[in-house]
Amino acid sequence: MPHPLIQASREGEIARVTIARPEKRNALDLPMWIALAEAMEAASADDSVRCVLIEGQGEIAFSAGADIAAFGQERGTPEREAVYGREISRSFQSIRLCRHPVVAACRGWTMGGGCGIATMSDFRVGGPGTRMGIPARNLSIFYHYGELDPLLQMVGYAVTCELLIEGRVFTGEEAFGKGLLTRLVPDEEVKAEALALAKRIAEGAPLSNRFHKAALQKLRGALPITPAESAAVNDFAYTEDFREATRAFLEKRKPVWRGR
């Protein structure tokens, strides 16, 4: 179902998907995650598309990730958690599994789930003012194996640990040096360069581009994760630490960890 804050448009052979909530740093609530997946799935199914460009509205943020303020309404019960976990994973995987190459225009704040959207993309363009981080530890959140694997393949174990365990937030220069960004340009040129990159990709043979994207992912093979291990990723939602972290975020204070 179309959503006013997830805007899909076309520019020739480029499918553009814009996260349009700049007043909240383009943070996504559950309906927006669902709409993002639907927009990506529609673009993937369209043979006339040659490349997909994901961007955030405004100049401050690509996306700050999940809207934590909405967790009270969207999470907290087994039924809600099942829906939330399924839909956010679907959204990430719709980017990863899109048949066409995907470019992320990482202007500004690219954090949490926003960094996840970027790392599920095939190309990431940013500037010195780009900030990339995944502060899962600040909310006692567990990231799913399917979202961790592309990051690990991209930047390796050490940098992935910096992001997830140390909680580092990289500048654009640092992100480029560590391989998180594909290209670094002046901040004011990020969106223009991302679009130019998408157009250059679109000039290539679409069947070749689709094959190589799929082949490179297939070479990774199936993840060695059991169904029980996959399901256990969502257990964090029932911990005292997660509930405390959510309250602390809304109350603008540091959480007190209990380890349970």
C-alpha atoms as a PDB file:
ATOM      1  CA  MET A   1       0.000   0.000   0.000  1.00  0.00           C
ATOM      2  CA  PRO A   2       1.496   3.419  -0.934  1.00  0.00           C
ATOM      3  CA  HIS A   3       2.709   5.553   1.957  1.00  0.00           C
ATOM      4  CA  PRO A   4       3.144   9.344   1.753  1.00  0.00           C
ATOM      5  CA  LEU A   5       6.507   9.197   3.543  1.00  0.00           C
ATOM      6  CA  ILE A   6       7.982   6.550   1.223  1.00  0.00           C
ATOM      7  CA  GLN A   7       7.910   8.149  -2.216  1.00  0.00           C
ATOM      8  CA  ALA A   8       8.555   6.065  -5.326  1.00  0.00           C
ATOM      9  CA  SER A   9       9.259   7.810  -8.621  1.00  0.00           C
ATOM     10  CA  ARG A  10      11.028   7.241 -11.924  1.00  0.00           C
ATOM     11  CA  GLU A  11      13.768   9.141 -13.699  1.00  0.00           C
ATOM     12  CA  GLY A  12      14.137   7.309 -16.977  1.00  0.00           C
ATOM     13  CA  GLU A  13      15.501   3.864 -16.187  1.00  0.00           C
ATOM     14  CA  ILE A  14      16.221   4.812 -12.561  1.00  0.00           C
ATOM     15  CA  ALA A  15      13.684   3.946  -9.856  1.00  0.00           C
ATOM     16  CA  ARG A  16      13.970   6.480  -7.034  1.00  0.00           C
ATOM     17  CA  VAL A  17      12.805   5.664  -3.506  1.00  0.00           C
ATOM     18  CA  THR A  18      12.781   8.633  -1.119  1.00  0.00           C
ATOM     19  CA  ILE A  19      12.361   8.424   2.652  1.00  0.00           C
ATOM     20  CA  ALA A  20      10.440  11.642   3.218  1.00  0.00           C
ATOM     21  CA  ARG A  21      10.359  12.393   6.935  1.00  0.00           C
ATOM     22  CA  PRO A  22      13.093  15.007   7.379  1.00  0.00           C
ATOM     23  CA  GLU A  23      11.627  16.415  10.611  1.00  0.00           C
ATOM     24  CA  LYS A  24      12.486  13.055  12.238  1.00  0.00           C
ATOM     25  CA  ARG A  25      15.769  12.554  10.396  1.00  0.00           C
ATOM     26  CA  ASN A  26      13.887  10.207   8.069  1.00  0.00           C
ATOM     27  CA  ALA A  27      13.297   7.657  10.846  1.00  0.00           C
ATOM     28  CA  LEU A  28      10.941   4.841   9.855  1.00  0.00           C
ATOM     29  CA  ASP A  29       7.966   3.528  11.796  1.00  0.00           C
ATOM     30  CA  LEU A  30       6.509   0.121  10.979  1.00  0.00           C
ATOM     31  CA  PRO A  31       4.155   1.271   8.172  1.00  0.00           C
ATOM     32  CA  MET A  32       7.125   2.991   6.533  1.00  0.00           C
ATOM     33  CA  TRP A  33       9.272  -0.158   6.744  1.00  0.00           C
ATOM     34  CA  ILE A  34       6.454  -2.077   5.076  1.00  0.00           C
ATOM     35  CA  ALA A  35       6.080   0.574   2.373  1.00  0.00           C
ATOM     36  CA  LEU A  36       9.843   0.577   1.750  1.00  0.00           C
ATOM     37  CA  ALA A  37       9.740  -3.181   1.172  1.00  0.00           C
ATOM     38  CA  GLU A  38       6.787  -2.823  -1.178  1.00  0.00           C
ATOM     39  CA  ALA A  39       8.520  -0.071  -3.166  1.00  0.00           C
ATOM     40  CA  MET A  40      11.695  -2.138  -3.498  1.00  0.00           C
ATOM     41  CA  GLU A  41       9.805  -5.293  -4.446  1.00  0.00           C
ATOM     42  CA  ALA A  42       7.869  -3.390  -7.109  1.00  0.00           C
ATOM     43  CA  ALA A  43      11.086  -1.939  -8.530  1.00  0.00           C
ATOM     44  CA  SER A  44      12.720  -5.368  -8.536  1.00  0.00           C
ATOM     45  CA  ALA A  45       9.832  -6.879 -10.491  1.00  0.00           C
ATOM     46  CA  ASP A  46       9.950  -4.160 -13.153  1.00  0.00           C
ATOM     47  CA  ASP A  47      12.077  -5.230 -16.133  1.00  0.00           C
ATOM     48  CA  SER A  48      12.294  -1.647 -17.362  1.00  0.00           C
ATOM     49  CA  VAL A  49      14.274  -0.592 -14.277  1.00  0.00           C
ATOM     50  CA  ARG A  50      18.055  -0.611 -14.610  1.00  0.00           C
ATOM     51  CA  CYS A  51      19.053   0.717 -11.179  1.00  0.00           C
ATOM     52  CA  VAL A  52      17.377   1.796  -7.907  1.00  0.00           C
ATOM     53  CA  LEU A  53      18.394   4.924  -5.989  1.00  0.00           C
ATOM     54  CA  ILE A  54      17.459   5.240  -2.292  1.00  0.00           C
ATOM     55  CA  GLU A  55      17.736   8.667  -0.699  1.00  0.00           C
ATOM     56  CA  GLY A  56      16.511  10.646   2.289  1.00  0.00           C
ATOM     57  CA  GLN A  57      14.590  13.860   1.930  1.00  0.00           C
ATOM     58  CA  GLY A  58      16.511  16.974   2.961  1.00  0.00           C
ATOM     59  CA  GLU A  59      20.192  17.566   3.601  1.00  0.00           C
ATOM     60  CA  ILE A  60      20.480  16.487   7.252  1.00  0.00           C
ATOM     61  CA  ALA A  61      19.872  12.749   7.143  1.00  0.00           C
ATOM     62  CA  PHE A  62      19.737   9.741   4.864  1.00  0.00           C
ATOM     63  CA  SER A  63      17.902   7.950   7.679  1.00  0.00           C
ATOM     64  CA  ALA A  64      18.238   7.668  11.447  1.00  0.00           C
ATOM     65  CA  GLY A  65      16.746   4.166  11.271  1.00  0.00           C
ATOM     66  CA  ALA A  66      13.812   2.885  13.288  1.00  0.00           C
ATOM     67  CA  ASP A  67      11.488   5.349  15.024  1.00  0.00           C
ATOM     68  CA  ILE A  68      12.119   4.371  18.645  1.00  0.00           C
ATOM     69  CA  ALA A  69       9.323   6.633  19.846  1.00  0.00           C
ATOM     70  CA  ALA A  70       6.862   4.323  18.051  1.00  0.00           C
ATOM     71  CA  PHE A  71       8.072   1.160  19.788  1.00  0.00           C
ATOM     72  CA  GLY A  72       5.421   1.475  22.498  1.00  0.00           C
ATOM     73  CA  GLN A  73       2.661   1.039  19.926  1.00  0.00           C
ATOM     74  CA  GLU A  74       4.469  -1.293  17.526  1.00  0.00           C
ATOM     75  CA  ARG A  75       6.274  -3.701  19.859  1.00  0.00           C
ATOM     76  CA  GLY A  76       5.998  -5.288  23.280  1.00  0.00           C
ATOM     77  CA  THR A  77       3.780  -8.342  22.776  1.00  0.00           C
ATOM     78  CA  PRO A  78       4.623 -11.654  21.071  1.00  0.00           C
ATOM     79  CA  GLU A  79       2.147 -10.865  18.294  1.00  0.00           C
ATOM     80  CA  ARG A  80       3.542  -7.404  17.671  1.00  0.00           C
ATOM     81  CA  GLU A  81       7.139  -8.590  17.840  1.00  0.00           C
ATOM     82  CA  ALA A  82       6.456 -11.309  15.292  1.00  0.00           C
ATOM     83  CA  VAL A  83       5.029  -8.771  12.866  1.00  0.00           C
ATOM     84  CA  TYR A  84       7.751  -6.178  13.501  1.00  0.00           C
ATOM     85  CA  GLY A  85      10.603  -8.659  13.154  1.00  0.00           C
ATOM     86  CA  ARG A  86       9.161 -10.151   9.980  1.00  0.00           C
ATOM     87  CA  GLU A  87       8.500  -6.818   8.281  1.00  0.00           C
ATOM     88  CA  ILE A  88      11.776  -5.104   9.108  1.00  0.00           C
ATOM     89  CA  SER A  89      13.687  -8.174   7.880  1.00  0.00           C
ATOM     90  CA  ARG A  90      11.557  -8.170   4.732  1.00  0.00           C
ATOM     91  CA  SER A  91      12.424  -4.514   4.193  1.00  0.00           C
ATOM     92  CA  PHE A  92      16.178  -5.060   4.505  1.00  0.00           C
ATOM     93  CA  GLN A  93      16.091  -8.164   2.333  1.00  0.00           C
ATOM     94  CA  SER A  94      14.030  -6.393  -0.339  1.00  0.00           C
ATOM     95  CA  ILE A  95      17.070  -4.170  -0.864  1.00  0.00           C
ATOM     96  CA  ARG A  96      19.608  -6.958  -0.707  1.00  0.00           C
ATOM     97  CA  LEU A  97      17.605  -9.227  -3.029  1.00  0.00           C
ATOM     98  CA  CYS A  98      16.457  -6.565  -5.481  1.00  0.00           C
ATOM     99  CA  ARG A  99      17.356  -7.865  -8.958  1.00  0.00           C
ATOM    100  CA  HIS A 100      18.728  -4.487  -9.983  1.00  0.00           C
ATOM    101  CA  PRO A 101      21.776  -2.718  -8.521  1.00  0.00           C
ATOM    102  CA  VAL A 102      20.876  -0.395  -5.640  1.00  0.00           C
ATOM    103  CA  VAL A 103      22.619   2.906  -4.825  1.00  0.00           C
ATOM    104  CA  ALA A 104      22.226   4.638  -1.440  1.00  0.00           C
ATOM    105  CA  ALA A 105      22.767   8.412  -1.291  1.00  0.00           C
ATOM    106  CA  CYS A 106      24.141   8.694   2.256  1.00  0.00           C
ATOM    107  CA  ARG A 107      23.885  12.428   2.831  1.00  0.00           C
ATOM    108  CA  GLY A 108      24.273  13.212   6.512  1.00  0.00           C
ATOM    109  CA  TRP A 109      22.940  11.022   9.304  1.00  0.00           C
ATOM    110  CA  THR A 110      23.064   7.322   8.293  1.00  0.00           C
ATOM    111  CA  MET A 111      22.470   5.543  11.568  1.00  0.00           C
ATOM    112  CA  GLY A 112      20.996   2.352  12.978  1.00  0.00           C
ATOM    113  CA  GLY A 113      18.476   0.924  10.548  1.00  0.00           C
ATOM    114  CA  GLY A 114      19.430   3.731   8.166  1.00  0.00           C
ATOM    115  CA  CYS A 115      22.965   2.370   8.107  1.00  0.00           C
ATOM    116  CA  GLY A 116      21.378  -1.045   7.607  1.00  0.00           C
ATOM    117  CA  ILE A 117      19.519   0.211   4.533  1.00  0.00           C
ATOM    118  CA  ALA A 118      22.808   1.572   3.196  1.00  0.00           C
ATOM    119  CA  THR A 119      24.808  -1.578   3.851  1.00  0.00           C
ATOM    120  CA  MET A 120      22.154  -3.742   2.193  1.00  0.00           C
ATOM    121  CA  SER A 121      22.598  -1.589  -0.919  1.00  0.00           C
ATOM    122  CA  ASP A 122      25.261  -2.348  -3.521  1.00  0.00           C
ATOM    123  CA  PHE A 123      26.787   1.150  -3.695  1.00  0.00           C
ATOM    124  CA  ARG A 124      26.979   3.887  -1.055  1.00  0.00           C
ATOM    125  CA  VAL A 125      27.883   7.497  -1.822  1.00  0.00           C
ATOM    126  CA  GLY A 126      28.641   9.857   1.067  1.00  0.00           C
ATOM    127  CA  GLY A 127      30.480  13.020   2.031  1.00  0.00           C
ATOM    128  CA  PRO A 128      32.687  14.221   4.889  1.00  0.00           C
ATOM    129  CA  GLY A 129      29.547  15.135   6.845  1.00  0.00           C
ATOM    130  CA  THR A 130      28.107  11.632   6.561  1.00  0.00           C
ATOM    131  CA  ARG A 131      27.834   9.824   9.903  1.00  0.00           C
ATOM    132  CA  MET A 132      27.554   6.038   9.868  1.00  0.00           C
ATOM    133  CA  GLY A 133      26.906   3.892  12.915  1.00  0.00           C
ATOM    134  CA  ILE A 134      24.806   1.027  14.261  1.00  0.00           C
ATOM    135  CA  PRO A 135      24.254   1.778  17.973  1.00  0.00           C
ATOM    136  CA  ALA A 136      22.548  -1.543  18.765  1.00  0.00           C
ATOM    137  CA  ARG A 137      24.317  -1.694  22.109  1.00  0.00           C
ATOM    138  CA  ASN A 138      22.633   1.539  23.222  1.00  0.00           C
ATOM    139  CA  LEU A 139      19.212  -0.138  22.981  1.00  0.00           C
ATOM    140  CA  SER A 140      20.215  -3.733  23.778  1.00  0.00           C
ATOM    141  CA  ILE A 141      19.018  -4.730  20.292  1.00  0.00           C
ATOM    142  CA  PHE A 142      20.175  -7.856  18.443  1.00  0.00           C
ATOM    143  CA  TYR A 143      20.709  -7.453  14.702  1.00  0.00           C
ATOM    144  CA  HIS A 144      19.551 -10.364  12.552  1.00  0.00           C
ATOM    145  CA  TYR A 145      22.124 -12.669  10.945  1.00  0.00           C
ATOM    146  CA  GLY A 146      20.766 -11.757   7.506  1.00  0.00           C
ATOM    147  CA  GLU A 147      21.611  -8.103   8.106  1.00  0.00           C
ATOM    148  CA  LEU A 148      24.942  -8.777   9.799  1.00  0.00           C
ATOM    149  CA  ASP A 149      26.345 -10.955   7.026  1.00  0.00           C
ATOM    150  CA  PRO A 150      26.516  -8.298   4.250  1.00  0.00           C
ATOM    151  CA  LEU A 151      28.221  -5.933   6.697  1.00  0.00           C
ATOM    152  CA  LEU A 152      30.748  -8.582   7.719  1.00  0.00           C
ATOM    153  CA  GLN A 153      31.448  -9.454   4.093  1.00  0.00           C
ATOM    154  CA  MET A 154      31.882  -5.767   3.265  1.00  0.00           C
ATOM    155  CA  VAL A 155      34.205  -4.513   6.005  1.00  0.00           C
ATOM    156  CA  GLY A 156      35.374  -7.575   7.938  1.00  0.00           C
ATOM    157  CA  TYR A 157      35.212  -8.681  11.538  1.00  0.00           C
ATOM    158  CA  ALA A 158      37.216  -5.874  13.154  1.00  0.00           C
ATOM    159  CA  VAL A 159      35.223  -2.976  11.685  1.00  0.00           C
ATOM    160  CA  THR A 160      31.926  -4.777  12.298  1.00  0.00           C
ATOM    161  CA  CYS A 161      32.946  -5.100  15.962  1.00  0.00           C
ATOM    162  CA  GLU A 162      33.776  -1.394  16.064  1.00  0.00           C
ATOM    163  CA  LEU A 163      30.267  -0.586  14.870  1.00  0.00           C
ATOM    164  CA  LEU A 164      28.241  -3.061  16.903  1.00  0.00           C
ATOM    165  CA  ILE A 165      30.222  -3.651  20.088  1.00  0.00           C
ATOM    166  CA  GLU A 166      32.274  -0.484  20.574  1.00  0.00           C
ATOM    167  CA  GLY A 167      29.471   1.655  19.132  1.00  0.00           C
ATOM    168  CA  ARG A 168      31.698   3.742  16.883  1.00  0.00           C
ATOM    169  CA  VAL A 169      30.125   6.397  14.684  1.00  0.00           C
ATOM    170  CA  PHE A 170      32.289   6.966  11.628  1.00  0.00           C
ATOM    171  CA  THR A 171      32.746  10.223   9.769  1.00  0.00           C
ATOM    172  CA  GLY A 172      32.448  10.106   6.009  1.00  0.00           C
ATOM    173  CA  GLU A 173      36.221   9.954   5.613  1.00  0.00           C
ATOM    174  CA  GLU A 174      36.497   7.111   8.131  1.00  0.00           C
ATOM    175  CA  ALA A 175      33.613   5.216   6.546  1.00  0.00           C
ATOM    176  CA  PHE A 176      35.221   5.516   3.108  1.00  0.00           C
ATOM    177  CA  GLY A 177      38.588   4.384   4.444  1.00  0.00           C
ATOM    178  CA  LYS A 178      37.016   1.330   6.079  1.00  0.00           C
ATOM    179  CA  GLY A 179      35.003   0.362   3.004  1.00  0.00           C
ATOM    180  CA  LEU A 180      31.560   1.341   4.290  1.00  0.00           C
ATOM    181  CA  LEU A 181      31.240   4.027   1.627  1.00  0.00           C
ATOM    182  CA  THR A 182      31.867   3.227  -2.019  1.00  0.00           C
ATOM    183  CA  ARG A 183      32.578   6.834  -2.937  1.00  0.00           C
ATOM    184  CA  LEU A 184      33.360  10.052  -1.051  1.00  0.00           C
ATOM    185  CA  VAL A 185      32.471  13.438  -2.570  1.00  0.00           C
ATOM    186  CA  PRO A 186      31.775  16.907  -1.121  1.00  0.00           C
ATOM    187  CA  ASP A 187      28.604  16.891   0.971  1.00  0.00           C
ATOM    188  CA  GLU A 188      26.682  19.105  -1.410  1.00  0.00           C
ATOM    189  CA  GLU A 189      27.448  16.692  -4.271  1.00  0.00           C
ATOM    190  CA  VAL A 190      26.357  13.433  -2.587  1.00  0.00           C
ATOM    191  CA  LYS A 191      22.891  13.217  -4.107  1.00  0.00           C
ATOM    192  CA  ALA A 192      24.011  14.376  -7.542  1.00  0.00           C
ATOM    193  CA  GLU A 193      26.868  11.861  -7.594  1.00  0.00           C
ATOM    194  CA  ALA A 194      24.561   9.066  -6.406  1.00  0.00           C
ATOM    195  CA  LEU A 195      22.186   9.811  -9.272  1.00  0.00           C
ATOM    196  CA  ALA A 196      25.077  10.053 -11.751  1.00  0.00           C
ATOM    197  CA  LEU A 197      26.352   6.681 -10.504  1.00  0.00           C
ATOM    198  CA  ALA A 198      22.890   5.154 -10.949  1.00  0.00           C
ATOM    199  CA  LYS A 199      22.793   6.487 -14.508  1.00  0.00           C
ATOM    200  CA  ARG A 200      26.229   5.065 -15.271  1.00  0.00           C
ATOM    201  CA  ILE A 201      25.094   1.678 -13.986  1.00  0.00           C
ATOM    202  CA  ALA A 202      21.939   1.932 -16.099  1.00  0.00           C
ATOM    203  CA  GLU A 203      24.087   2.346 -19.221  1.00  0.00           C
ATOM    204  CA  GLY A 204      25.343  -1.212 -18.819  1.00  0.00           C
ATOM    205  CA  ALA A 205      23.660  -4.380 -20.053  1.00  0.00           C
ATOM    206  CA  PRO A 206      20.843  -5.076 -17.562  1.00  0.00           C
ATOM    207  CA  LEU A 207      21.043  -8.864 -17.853  1.00  0.00           C
ATOM    208  CA  SER A 208      24.767  -8.760 -17.109  1.00  0.00           C
ATOM    209  CA  ASN A 209      24.296  -6.466 -14.115  1.00  0.00           C
ATOM    210  CA  ARG A 210      21.490  -8.619 -12.689  1.00  0.00           C
ATOM    211  CA  PHE A 211      23.467 -11.811 -13.181  1.00  0.00           C
ATOM    212  CA  HIS A 212      26.602 -10.501 -11.499  1.00  0.00           C
ATOM    213  CA  LYS A 213      24.710  -9.095  -8.515  1.00  0.00           C
ATOM    214  CA  ALA A 214      22.947 -12.420  -7.966  1.00  0.00           C
ATOM    215  CA  ALA A 215      26.084 -14.467  -8.633  1.00  0.00           C
ATOM    216  CA  LEU A 216      28.228 -12.529  -6.170  1.00  0.00           C
ATOM    217  CA  GLN A 217      25.633 -13.076  -3.455  1.00  0.00           C
ATOM    218  CA  LYS A 218      25.165 -16.744  -4.327  1.00  0.00           C
ATOM    219  CA  LEU A 219      28.890 -17.403  -3.972  1.00  0.00           C
ATOM    220  CA  ARG A 220      28.508 -16.563  -0.287  1.00  0.00           C
ATOM    221  CA  GLY A 221      26.338 -19.655   0.127  1.00  0.00           C
ATOM    222  CA  ALA A 222      23.651 -20.309   2.720  1.00  0.00           C
ATOM    223  CA  LEU A 223      24.278 -18.947   6.208  1.00  0.00           C
ATOM    224  CA  PRO A 224      25.167 -21.652   8.758  1.00  0.00           C
ATOM    225  CA  ILE A 225      22.306 -20.619  11.044  1.00  0.00           C
ATOM    226  CA  THR A 226      19.694 -22.995  12.427  1.00  0.00           C
ATOM    227  CA  PRO A 227      15.994 -22.010  12.525  1.00  0.00           C
ATOM    228  CA  ALA A 228      16.194 -21.920  16.325  1.00  0.00           C
ATOM    229  CA  GLU A 229      19.163 -19.536  16.233  1.00  0.00           C
ATOM    230  CA  SER A 230      17.384 -17.321  13.741  1.00  0.00           C
ATOM    231  CA  ALA A 231      14.223 -17.179  15.855  1.00  0.00           C
ATOM    232  CA  ALA A 232      16.226 -16.397  19.007  1.00  0.00           C
ATOM    233  CA  VAL A 233      17.401 -13.093  17.514  1.00  0.00           C
ATOM    234  CA  ASN A 234      14.060 -11.563  18.511  1.00  0.00           C
ATOM    235  CA  ASP A 235      14.422 -12.575  22.176  1.00  0.00           C
ATOM    236  CA  PHE A 236      15.990  -9.218  23.051  1.00  0.00           C
ATOM    237  CA  ALA A 237      12.536  -7.638  22.865  1.00  0.00           C
ATOM    238  CA  TYR A 238      11.510  -9.454  26.064  1.00  0.00           C
ATOM    239  CA  THR A 239      14.543  -8.474  28.108  1.00  0.00           C
ATOM    240  CA  GLU A 240      14.575  -6.000  30.955  1.00  0.00           C
ATOM    241  CA  ASP A 241      17.521  -4.205  29.355  1.00  0.00           C
ATOM    242  CA  PHE A 242      15.602  -3.519  26.124  1.00  0.00           C
ATOM    243  CA  ARG A 243      12.604  -2.133  28.002  1.00  0.00           C
ATOM    244  CA  GLU A 244      14.905   0.021  30.134  1.00  0.00           C
ATOM    245  CA  ALA A 245      16.795   1.285  27.059  1.00  0.00           C
ATOM    246  CA  THR A 246      13.567   2.287  25.315  1.00  0.00           C
ATOM    247  CA  ARG A 247      12.373   4.176  28.410  1.00  0.00           C
ATOM    248  CA  ALA A 248      15.762   5.843  28.807  1.00  0.00           C
ATOM    249  CA  PHE A 249      15.761   6.987  25.175  1.00  0.00           C
ATOM    250  CA  LEU A 250      12.352   8.616  25.535  1.00  0.00           C
ATOM    251  CA  GLU A 251      13.332  10.171  28.870  1.00  0.00           C
ATOM    252  CA  LYS A 252      16.654  11.401  27.425  1.00  0.00           C
ATOM    253  CA  ARG A 253      18.877   9.689  29.998  1.00  0.00           C
ATOM    254  CA  LYS A 254      21.421   6.896  30.067  1.00  0.00           C
ATOM    255  CA  PRO A 255      20.028   3.386  30.577  1.00  0.00           C
ATOM    256  CA  VAL A 256      20.946   1.329  33.627  1.00  0.00           C
ATOM    257  CA  TRP A 257      21.903  -2.136  32.433  1.00  0.00           C
ATOM    258  CA  ARG A 258      20.912  -5.224  34.430  1.00  0.00           C
ATOM    259  CA  GLY A 259      22.119  -7.901  32.046  1.00  0.00           C
ATOM    260  CA  ARG A 260      18.748  -9.589  31.971  1.00  0.00           C
END
